Amino acid sequence: MTTVPTSSRRARIAAALALVATLVAACGGSTTTAASTATITVAAPTRAAASGARPALDPAHTALLVMDMQQGIVSELSASAGTVITHTAAAEQAARRAGVHVVLVGTAFQAGYPEVSQNNKAFARVIGSGSMLQGSPESQFDPRIAAVGNEPVVIKARVGAFGSTPLREILRAGHIQTLVLTGIATSGVVLSTLRVAADDDYRIIVLSDCVADPDPEVQRVLLDKVFPTQADVMTSAAFDAELAT
């Protein structure tokens, strides 16, 4: 017997997809608005940008950022998002084994959305949606990549991980020099965070199979053309191998 979603359920789905669209559009991407056709693009393995040997990773001064992999964003997208979660969970495990810092970054708002200005063209559409409120089920991280022990969890009300958060202070206190980026969407939180991190002089690694975007062409251009100018791009398996050397 097929269960027909309630109007409340449909509203939550629409709100979650609208939030994904907002986070992507804020950084120049595009997404499909209909829930029935929502897809997410996972990258094929991508070569690292830098030619020659890269400096060895120092786990004690490296942080893995796991960004916007929350129930309301992941669960309502296509099944391919599960591949991203699987690879990210493996990257987390490898990082923890090697002593790399793991930091989760998510999006959530206070009731009434006081953090969101009507002047913010991208985020103003979230006001009144009832989506991604702090403490709500959809704001919780996917349990497959949830924080372990005292790993920091940073909550933001902007697209990038550095805006409206104490992330800089956390990284400075941990003497972090290298950031490893994962997240949904590639053209949203990943791009925004990478740009700021590069300006802050971090060494940056993007895990190509741990990021995803609704637009396949945007995904390809970012991973093959844009990100390599400021970051090394590699798979989670290559990251694991580098940690093991």
C-alpha atoms as a PDB file:
ATOM      1  CA  MET A   1       0.000   0.000   0.000  1.00  0.00           C
ATOM      2  CA  THR A   2       1.416   3.381  -0.994  1.00  0.00           C
ATOM      3  CA  THR A   3       1.409   6.099   1.641  1.00  0.00           C
ATOM      4  CA  VAL A   4       0.549   9.549   0.362  1.00  0.00           C
ATOM      5  CA  PRO A   5       2.620  12.261   2.017  1.00  0.00           C
ATOM      6  CA  THR A   6       0.677  14.622   4.271  1.00  0.00           C
ATOM      7  CA  SER A   7       0.573  18.312   3.476  1.00  0.00           C
ATOM      8  CA  SER A   8       2.944  18.870   6.412  1.00  0.00           C
ATOM      9  CA  ARG A   9       5.389  16.363   4.958  1.00  0.00           C
ATOM     10  CA  ARG A  10       5.190  17.972   1.530  1.00  0.00           C
ATOM     11  CA  ALA A  11       5.783  21.374   3.066  1.00  0.00           C
ATOM     12  CA  ARG A  12       8.901  20.134   4.852  1.00  0.00           C
ATOM     13  CA  ILE A  13      10.225  18.606   1.630  1.00  0.00           C
ATOM     14  CA  ALA A  14       9.602  21.826  -0.272  1.00  0.00           C
ATOM     15  CA  ALA A  15      11.247  23.884   2.469  1.00  0.00           C
ATOM     16  CA  ALA A  16      14.309  21.628   2.554  1.00  0.00           C
ATOM     17  CA  LEU A  17      14.716  21.799  -1.213  1.00  0.00           C
ATOM     18  CA  ALA A  18      14.204  25.558  -1.142  1.00  0.00           C
ATOM     19  CA  LEU A  19      17.005  25.847   1.412  1.00  0.00           C
ATOM     20  CA  VAL A  20      19.345  23.772  -0.764  1.00  0.00           C
ATOM     21  CA  ALA A  21      18.470  26.036  -3.689  1.00  0.00           C
ATOM     22  CA  THR A  22      19.215  29.074  -1.546  1.00  0.00           C
ATOM     23  CA  LEU A  23      22.598  27.792  -0.401  1.00  0.00           C
ATOM     24  CA  VAL A  24      23.566  26.915  -3.985  1.00  0.00           C
ATOM     25  CA  ALA A  25      22.204  30.057  -5.620  1.00  0.00           C
ATOM     26  CA  ALA A  26      24.002  32.265  -3.130  1.00  0.00           C
ATOM     27  CA  CYS A  27      27.298  31.155  -4.644  1.00  0.00           C
ATOM     28  CA  GLY A  28      26.321  31.123  -8.269  1.00  0.00           C
ATOM     29  CA  GLY A  29      24.948  27.625  -8.797  1.00  0.00           C
ATOM     30  CA  SER A  30      21.503  26.461  -9.883  1.00  0.00           C
ATOM     31  CA  THR A  31      19.183  23.683  -8.824  1.00  0.00           C
ATOM     32  CA  THR A  32      15.930  21.992  -9.845  1.00  0.00           C
ATOM     33  CA  THR A  33      12.962  23.200  -7.827  1.00  0.00           C
ATOM     34  CA  ALA A  34      10.618  20.232  -8.145  1.00  0.00           C
ATOM     35  CA  ALA A  35      11.011  17.608  -5.435  1.00  0.00           C
ATOM     36  CA  SER A  36      10.289  14.797  -7.875  1.00  0.00           C
ATOM     37  CA  THR A  37      13.275  15.702 -10.060  1.00  0.00           C
ATOM     38  CA  ALA A  38      15.803  16.749  -7.447  1.00  0.00           C
ATOM     39  CA  THR A  39      19.176  15.212  -8.200  1.00  0.00           C
ATOM     40  CA  ILE A  40      22.648  15.636  -6.897  1.00  0.00           C
ATOM     41  CA  THR A  41      25.855  15.199  -8.814  1.00  0.00           C
ATOM     42  CA  VAL A  42      28.790  13.299  -7.359  1.00  0.00           C
ATOM     43  CA  ALA A  43      32.219  13.920  -8.778  1.00  0.00           C
ATOM     44  CA  ALA A  44      34.256  11.379 -10.634  1.00  0.00           C
ATOM     45  CA  PRO A  45      37.789  10.951  -9.236  1.00  0.00           C
ATOM     46  CA  THR A  46      39.699  14.146  -9.890  1.00  0.00           C
ATOM     47  CA  ARG A  47      43.435  14.604 -10.142  1.00  0.00           C
ATOM     48  CA  ALA A  48      45.215  16.942  -7.746  1.00  0.00           C
ATOM     49  CA  ALA A  49      45.921  20.359  -9.151  1.00  0.00           C
ATOM     50  CA  ALA A  50      49.496  20.830  -8.089  1.00  0.00           C
ATOM     51  CA  SER A  51      52.227  19.420 -10.238  1.00  0.00           C
ATOM     52  CA  GLY A  52      55.060  17.598  -8.588  1.00  0.00           C
ATOM     53  CA  ALA A  53      55.109  16.355  -5.023  1.00  0.00           C
ATOM     54  CA  ARG A  54      52.766  17.893  -2.488  1.00  0.00           C
ATOM     55  CA  PRO A  55      54.016  18.592   1.039  1.00  0.00           C
ATOM     56  CA  ALA A  56      53.240  15.739   3.393  1.00  0.00           C
ATOM     57  CA  LEU A  57      50.108  16.098   5.488  1.00  0.00           C
ATOM     58  CA  ASP A  58      50.699  16.870   9.147  1.00  0.00           C
ATOM     59  CA  PRO A  59      47.645  15.376  10.924  1.00  0.00           C
ATOM     60  CA  ALA A  60      48.176  17.440  14.069  1.00  0.00           C
ATOM     61  CA  HIS A  61      47.774  20.645  12.045  1.00  0.00           C
ATOM     62  CA  THR A  62      45.041  19.436   9.675  1.00  0.00           C
ATOM     63  CA  ALA A  63      41.250  19.725  10.041  1.00  0.00           C
ATOM     64  CA  LEU A  64      38.562  17.871   8.090  1.00  0.00           C
ATOM     65  CA  LEU A  65      35.475  20.067   7.659  1.00  0.00           C
ATOM     66  CA  VAL A  66      32.190  18.194   7.113  1.00  0.00           C
ATOM     67  CA  MET A  67      29.686  20.798   5.966  1.00  0.00           C
ATOM     68  CA  ASP A  68      25.884  20.953   5.617  1.00  0.00           C
ATOM     69  CA  MET A  69      25.372  17.177   5.600  1.00  0.00           C
ATOM     70  CA  GLN A  70      22.171  17.487   7.617  1.00  0.00           C
ATOM     71  CA  GLN A  71      19.001  15.418   7.554  1.00  0.00           C
ATOM     72  CA  GLY A  72      16.869  18.105   5.927  1.00  0.00           C
ATOM     73  CA  ILE A  73      19.347  18.513   3.089  1.00  0.00           C
ATOM     74  CA  VAL A  74      20.495  14.919   2.547  1.00  0.00           C
ATOM     75  CA  SER A  75      17.301  12.912   3.098  1.00  0.00           C
ATOM     76  CA  GLU A  76      15.153  14.759   0.568  1.00  0.00           C
ATOM     77  CA  LEU A  77      17.663  14.590  -2.269  1.00  0.00           C
ATOM     78  CA  SER A  78      18.267  11.697  -4.645  1.00  0.00           C
ATOM     79  CA  ALA A  79      19.758   8.394  -3.514  1.00  0.00           C
ATOM     80  CA  SER A  80      23.147   9.364  -4.964  1.00  0.00           C
ATOM     81  CA  ALA A  81      23.628  11.676  -1.981  1.00  0.00           C
ATOM     82  CA  GLY A  82      24.163   8.489   0.026  1.00  0.00           C
ATOM     83  CA  THR A  83      27.382   7.869  -1.896  1.00  0.00           C
ATOM     84  CA  VAL A  84      28.727  11.212  -0.732  1.00  0.00           C
ATOM     85  CA  ILE A  85      27.833  10.382   2.867  1.00  0.00           C
ATOM     86  CA  THR A  86      29.507   6.969   2.599  1.00  0.00           C
ATOM     87  CA  HIS A  87      32.753   8.442   1.276  1.00  0.00           C
ATOM     88  CA  THR A  88      32.668  11.239   3.854  1.00  0.00           C
ATOM     89  CA  ALA A  89      32.160   8.768   6.698  1.00  0.00           C
ATOM     90  CA  ALA A  90      35.206   6.853   5.445  1.00  0.00           C
ATOM     91  CA  ALA A  91      37.220  10.083   5.304  1.00  0.00           C
ATOM     92  CA  GLU A  92      36.198  10.875   8.882  1.00  0.00           C
ATOM     93  CA  GLN A  93      37.336   7.454  10.057  1.00  0.00           C
ATOM     94  CA  ALA A  94      40.673   7.821   8.296  1.00  0.00           C
ATOM     95  CA  ALA A  95      41.111  11.297   9.770  1.00  0.00           C
ATOM     96  CA  ARG A  96      40.380  10.123  13.304  1.00  0.00           C
ATOM     97  CA  ARG A  97      42.780   7.194  13.003  1.00  0.00           C
ATOM     98  CA  ALA A  98      45.545   9.560  11.919  1.00  0.00           C
ATOM     99  CA  GLY A  99      44.828  12.228  14.527  1.00  0.00           C
ATOM    100  CA  VAL A 100      43.336  14.792  12.140  1.00  0.00           C
ATOM    101  CA  HIS A 101      40.874  17.232  13.710  1.00  0.00           C
ATOM    102  CA  VAL A 102      37.249  16.726  12.595  1.00  0.00           C
ATOM    103  CA  VAL A 103      34.873  19.718  12.630  1.00  0.00           C
ATOM    104  CA  LEU A 104      31.204  19.555  11.633  1.00  0.00           C
ATOM    105  CA  VAL A 105      29.590  22.659  10.148  1.00  0.00           C
ATOM    106  CA  GLY A 106      25.836  23.000   9.699  1.00  0.00           C
ATOM    107  CA  THR A 107      23.120  25.512   8.879  1.00  0.00           C
ATOM    108  CA  ALA A 108      20.330  26.314  11.344  1.00  0.00           C
ATOM    109  CA  PHE A 109      18.311  29.343  12.384  1.00  0.00           C
ATOM    110  CA  GLN A 110      16.650  30.683  15.504  1.00  0.00           C
ATOM    111  CA  ALA A 111      12.863  30.768  15.649  1.00  0.00           C
ATOM    112  CA  GLY A 112      11.626  33.723  13.650  1.00  0.00           C
ATOM    113  CA  TYR A 113      14.865  33.884  11.615  1.00  0.00           C
ATOM    114  CA  PRO A 114      16.284  36.999  13.324  1.00  0.00           C
ATOM    115  CA  GLU A 115      19.689  36.319  11.694  1.00  0.00           C
ATOM    116  CA  VAL A 116      18.275  36.778   8.194  1.00  0.00           C
ATOM    117  CA  SER A 117      17.895  40.253   6.730  1.00  0.00           C
ATOM    118  CA  GLN A 118      15.306  41.047   4.088  1.00  0.00           C
ATOM    119  CA  ASN A 119      18.226  42.648   2.237  1.00  0.00           C
ATOM    120  CA  ASN A 120      19.902  39.255   1.873  1.00  0.00           C
ATOM    121  CA  LYS A 121      18.582  38.250  -1.552  1.00  0.00           C
ATOM    122  CA  ALA A 122      19.552  34.591  -1.172  1.00  0.00           C
ATOM    123  CA  PHE A 123      18.494  33.926   2.414  1.00  0.00           C
ATOM    124  CA  ALA A 124      15.408  36.160   2.678  1.00  0.00           C
ATOM    125  CA  ARG A 125      13.331  33.461   0.961  1.00  0.00           C
ATOM    126  CA  VAL A 126      13.890  31.183   3.982  1.00  0.00           C
ATOM    127  CA  ILE A 127      12.073  33.543   6.358  1.00  0.00           C
ATOM    128  CA  GLY A 128       8.765  32.043   7.459  1.00  0.00           C
ATOM    129  CA  SER A 129       9.440  28.651   5.869  1.00  0.00           C
ATOM    130  CA  GLY A 130       9.773  26.870   9.207  1.00  0.00           C
ATOM    131  CA  SER A 131      12.746  24.986   7.768  1.00  0.00           C
ATOM    132  CA  MET A 132      16.086  24.210   9.419  1.00  0.00           C
ATOM    133  CA  LEU A 133      15.336  25.742  12.806  1.00  0.00           C
ATOM    134  CA  GLN A 134      17.827  25.045  15.581  1.00  0.00           C
ATOM    135  CA  GLY A 135      17.016  21.753  17.304  1.00  0.00           C
ATOM    136  CA  SER A 136      14.642  20.578  14.576  1.00  0.00           C
ATOM    137  CA  PRO A 137      14.994  17.031  13.184  1.00  0.00           C
ATOM    138  CA  GLU A 138      16.000  18.300   9.752  1.00  0.00           C
ATOM    139  CA  SER A 139      18.837  20.378  11.218  1.00  0.00           C
ATOM    140  CA  GLN A 140      20.470  17.291  12.753  1.00  0.00           C
ATOM    141  CA  PHE A 141      23.502  15.817  11.025  1.00  0.00           C
ATOM    142  CA  ASP A 142      23.170  12.564   9.161  1.00  0.00           C
ATOM    143  CA  PRO A 143      24.028   9.926  11.785  1.00  0.00           C
ATOM    144  CA  ARG A 144      26.603   8.325   9.482  1.00  0.00           C
ATOM    145  CA  ILE A 145      28.832  11.403   9.711  1.00  0.00           C
ATOM    146  CA  ALA A 146      27.855  12.735  13.162  1.00  0.00           C
ATOM    147  CA  ALA A 147      30.447  14.163  15.543  1.00  0.00           C
ATOM    148  CA  VAL A 148      32.243  11.806  17.911  1.00  0.00           C
ATOM    149  CA  GLY A 149      33.118  12.762  21.483  1.00  0.00           C
ATOM    150  CA  ASN A 150      34.095  16.417  21.844  1.00  0.00           C
ATOM    151  CA  GLU A 151      34.512  17.151  18.140  1.00  0.00           C
ATOM    152  CA  PRO A 152      33.413  20.740  17.473  1.00  0.00           C
ATOM    153  CA  VAL A 153      30.042  21.397  15.841  1.00  0.00           C
ATOM    154  CA  VAL A 154      29.769  24.849  14.275  1.00  0.00           C
ATOM    155  CA  ILE A 155      26.326  26.230  13.379  1.00  0.00           C
ATOM    156  CA  LYS A 156      26.054  28.980  10.801  1.00  0.00           C
ATOM    157  CA  ALA A 157      23.361  31.229   9.371  1.00  0.00           C
ATOM    158  CA  ARG A 158      25.194  32.067   6.163  1.00  0.00           C
ATOM    159  CA  VAL A 159      26.447  30.054   3.178  1.00  0.00           C
ATOM    160  CA  GLY A 160      30.125  29.809   4.077  1.00  0.00           C
ATOM    161  CA  ALA A 161      31.568  28.089   7.130  1.00  0.00           C
ATOM    162  CA  PHE A 162      33.443  31.184   8.305  1.00  0.00           C
ATOM    163  CA  GLY A 163      30.519  33.634   8.268  1.00  0.00           C
ATOM    164  CA  SER A 164      28.671  34.099  11.583  1.00  0.00           C
ATOM    165  CA  THR A 165      30.644  31.288  13.307  1.00  0.00           C
ATOM    166  CA  PRO A 166      33.615  30.830  15.671  1.00  0.00           C
ATOM    167  CA  LEU A 167      35.384  28.603  13.123  1.00  0.00           C
ATOM    168  CA  ARG A 168      38.423  30.881  12.820  1.00  0.00           C
ATOM    169  CA  GLU A 169      38.955  30.813  16.564  1.00  0.00           C
ATOM    170  CA  ILE A 170      38.589  27.012  16.685  1.00  0.00           C
ATOM    171  CA  LEU A 171      41.132  26.540  13.899  1.00  0.00           C
ATOM    172  CA  ARG A 172      43.536  29.061  15.412  1.00  0.00           C
ATOM    173  CA  ALA A 173      43.336  27.403  18.816  1.00  0.00           C
ATOM    174  CA  GLY A 174      44.062  24.034  17.210  1.00  0.00           C
ATOM    175  CA  HIS A 175      47.055  25.426  15.267  1.00  0.00           C
ATOM    176  CA  ILE A 176      45.460  24.272  12.018  1.00  0.00           C
ATOM    177  CA  GLN A 177      47.302  24.964   8.774  1.00  0.00           C
ATOM    178  CA  THR A 178      45.538  22.617   6.327  1.00  0.00           C
ATOM    179  CA  LEU A 179      41.790  22.329   5.694  1.00  0.00           C
ATOM    180  CA  VAL A 180      40.186  19.301   4.028  1.00  0.00           C
ATOM    181  CA  LEU A 181      36.773  20.240   2.653  1.00  0.00           C
ATOM    182  CA  THR A 182      33.679  18.081   2.201  1.00  0.00           C
ATOM    183  CA  GLY A 183      30.065  19.194   1.877  1.00  0.00           C
ATOM    184  CA  ILE A 184      26.801  19.821   0.069  1.00  0.00           C
ATOM    185  CA  ALA A 185      26.601  21.814  -2.130  1.00  0.00           C
ATOM    186  CA  THR A 186      29.851  22.196  -4.024  1.00  0.00           C
ATOM    187  CA  SER A 187      28.778  25.577  -5.410  1.00  0.00           C
ATOM    188  CA  GLY A 188      27.448  26.661  -2.023  1.00  0.00           C
ATOM    189  CA  VAL A 189      29.218  25.983   1.256  1.00  0.00           C
ATOM    190  CA  VAL A 190      32.288  24.361  -0.327  1.00  0.00           C
ATOM    191  CA  LEU A 191      33.033  27.177  -2.776  1.00  0.00           C
ATOM    192  CA  SER A 192      32.304  29.909  -0.239  1.00  0.00           C
ATOM    193  CA  THR A 193      34.463  28.294   2.446  1.00  0.00           C
ATOM    194  CA  LEU A 194      37.323  27.579   0.038  1.00  0.00           C
ATOM    195  CA  ARG A 195      37.532  31.199  -1.104  1.00  0.00           C
ATOM    196  CA  VAL A 196      37.755  32.566   2.430  1.00  0.00           C
ATOM    197  CA  ALA A 197      40.187  29.855   3.553  1.00  0.00           C
ATOM    198  CA  ALA A 198      42.475  30.624   0.620  1.00  0.00           C
ATOM    199  CA  ASP A 199      42.480  34.309   1.512  1.00  0.00           C
ATOM    200  CA  ASP A 200      43.340  33.298   5.082  1.00  0.00           C
ATOM    201  CA  ASP A 201      46.395  31.402   3.756  1.00  0.00           C
ATOM    202  CA  TYR A 202      45.307  27.879   4.627  1.00  0.00           C
ATOM    203  CA  ARG A 203      46.505  24.974   2.539  1.00  0.00           C
ATOM    204  CA  ILE A 204      43.280  23.474   1.148  1.00  0.00           C
ATOM    205  CA  ILE A 205      42.295  20.000  -0.019  1.00  0.00           C
ATOM    206  CA  VAL A 206      38.882  19.231  -1.549  1.00  0.00           C
ATOM    207  CA  LEU A 207      37.733  15.599  -1.512  1.00  0.00           C
ATOM    208  CA  SER A 208      36.057  15.178  -4.890  1.00  0.00           C
ATOM    209  CA  ASP A 209      33.840  12.232  -3.910  1.00  0.00           C
ATOM    210  CA  CYS A 210      32.766  13.938  -0.678  1.00  0.00           C
ATOM    211  CA  VAL A 211      31.170  16.970  -2.338  1.00  0.00           C
ATOM    212  CA  ALA A 212      28.061  17.127  -4.517  1.00  0.00           C
ATOM    213  CA  ASP A 213      26.015  19.638  -6.446  1.00  0.00           C
ATOM    214  CA  PRO A 214      22.592  19.633  -8.156  1.00  0.00           C
ATOM    215  CA  ASP A 215      24.138  20.975 -11.361  1.00  0.00           C
ATOM    216  CA  PRO A 216      26.556  18.525 -13.067  1.00  0.00           C
ATOM    217  CA  GLU A 217      28.207  21.206 -15.197  1.00  0.00           C
ATOM    218  CA  VAL A 218      28.809  23.456 -12.191  1.00  0.00           C
ATOM    219  CA  GLN A 219      30.259  20.458 -10.349  1.00  0.00           C
ATOM    220  CA  ARG A 220      32.618  19.662 -13.214  1.00  0.00           C
ATOM    221  CA  VAL A 221      33.828  23.222 -13.721  1.00  0.00           C
ATOM    222  CA  LEU A 222      34.462  23.805 -10.027  1.00  0.00           C
ATOM    223  CA  LEU A 223      36.412  20.579  -9.498  1.00  0.00           C
ATOM    224  CA  ASP A 224      38.322  20.622 -12.789  1.00  0.00           C
ATOM    225  CA  LYS A 225      38.845  24.340 -13.410  1.00  0.00           C
ATOM    226  CA  VAL A 226      38.133  26.576 -10.414  1.00  0.00           C
ATOM    227  CA  PHE A 227      39.187  24.729  -7.264  1.00  0.00           C
ATOM    228  CA  PRO A 228      42.607  23.574  -8.551  1.00  0.00           C
ATOM    229  CA  THR A 229      43.777  27.194  -8.697  1.00  0.00           C
ATOM    230  CA  GLN A 230      43.602  27.363  -4.900  1.00  0.00           C
ATOM    231  CA  ALA A 231      43.390  23.783  -3.640  1.00  0.00           C
ATOM    232  CA  ASP A 232      44.477  20.203  -4.191  1.00  0.00           C
ATOM    233  CA  VAL A 233      41.574  18.050  -5.382  1.00  0.00           C
ATOM    234  CA  MET A 234      41.667  14.343  -4.584  1.00  0.00           C
ATOM    235  CA  THR A 235      39.408  11.421  -3.688  1.00  0.00           C
ATOM    236  CA  SER A 236      38.786  10.232  -0.148  1.00  0.00           C
ATOM    237  CA  ALA A 237      40.835   7.105  -0.924  1.00  0.00           C
ATOM    238  CA  ALA A 238      43.811   9.253  -1.971  1.00  0.00           C
ATOM    239  CA  PHE A 239      43.429  11.280   1.223  1.00  0.00           C
ATOM    240  CA  ASP A 240      43.484   8.056   3.269  1.00  0.00           C
ATOM    241  CA  ALA A 241      46.598   6.911   1.407  1.00  0.00           C
ATOM    242  CA  GLU A 242      48.378  10.228   2.083  1.00  0.00           C
ATOM    243  CA  LEU A 243      47.594   9.949   5.777  1.00  0.00           C
ATOM    244  CA  ALA A 244      49.058   6.444   5.807  1.00  0.00           C
ATOM    245  CA  THR A 245      52.409   7.527   4.354  1.00  0.00           C
END
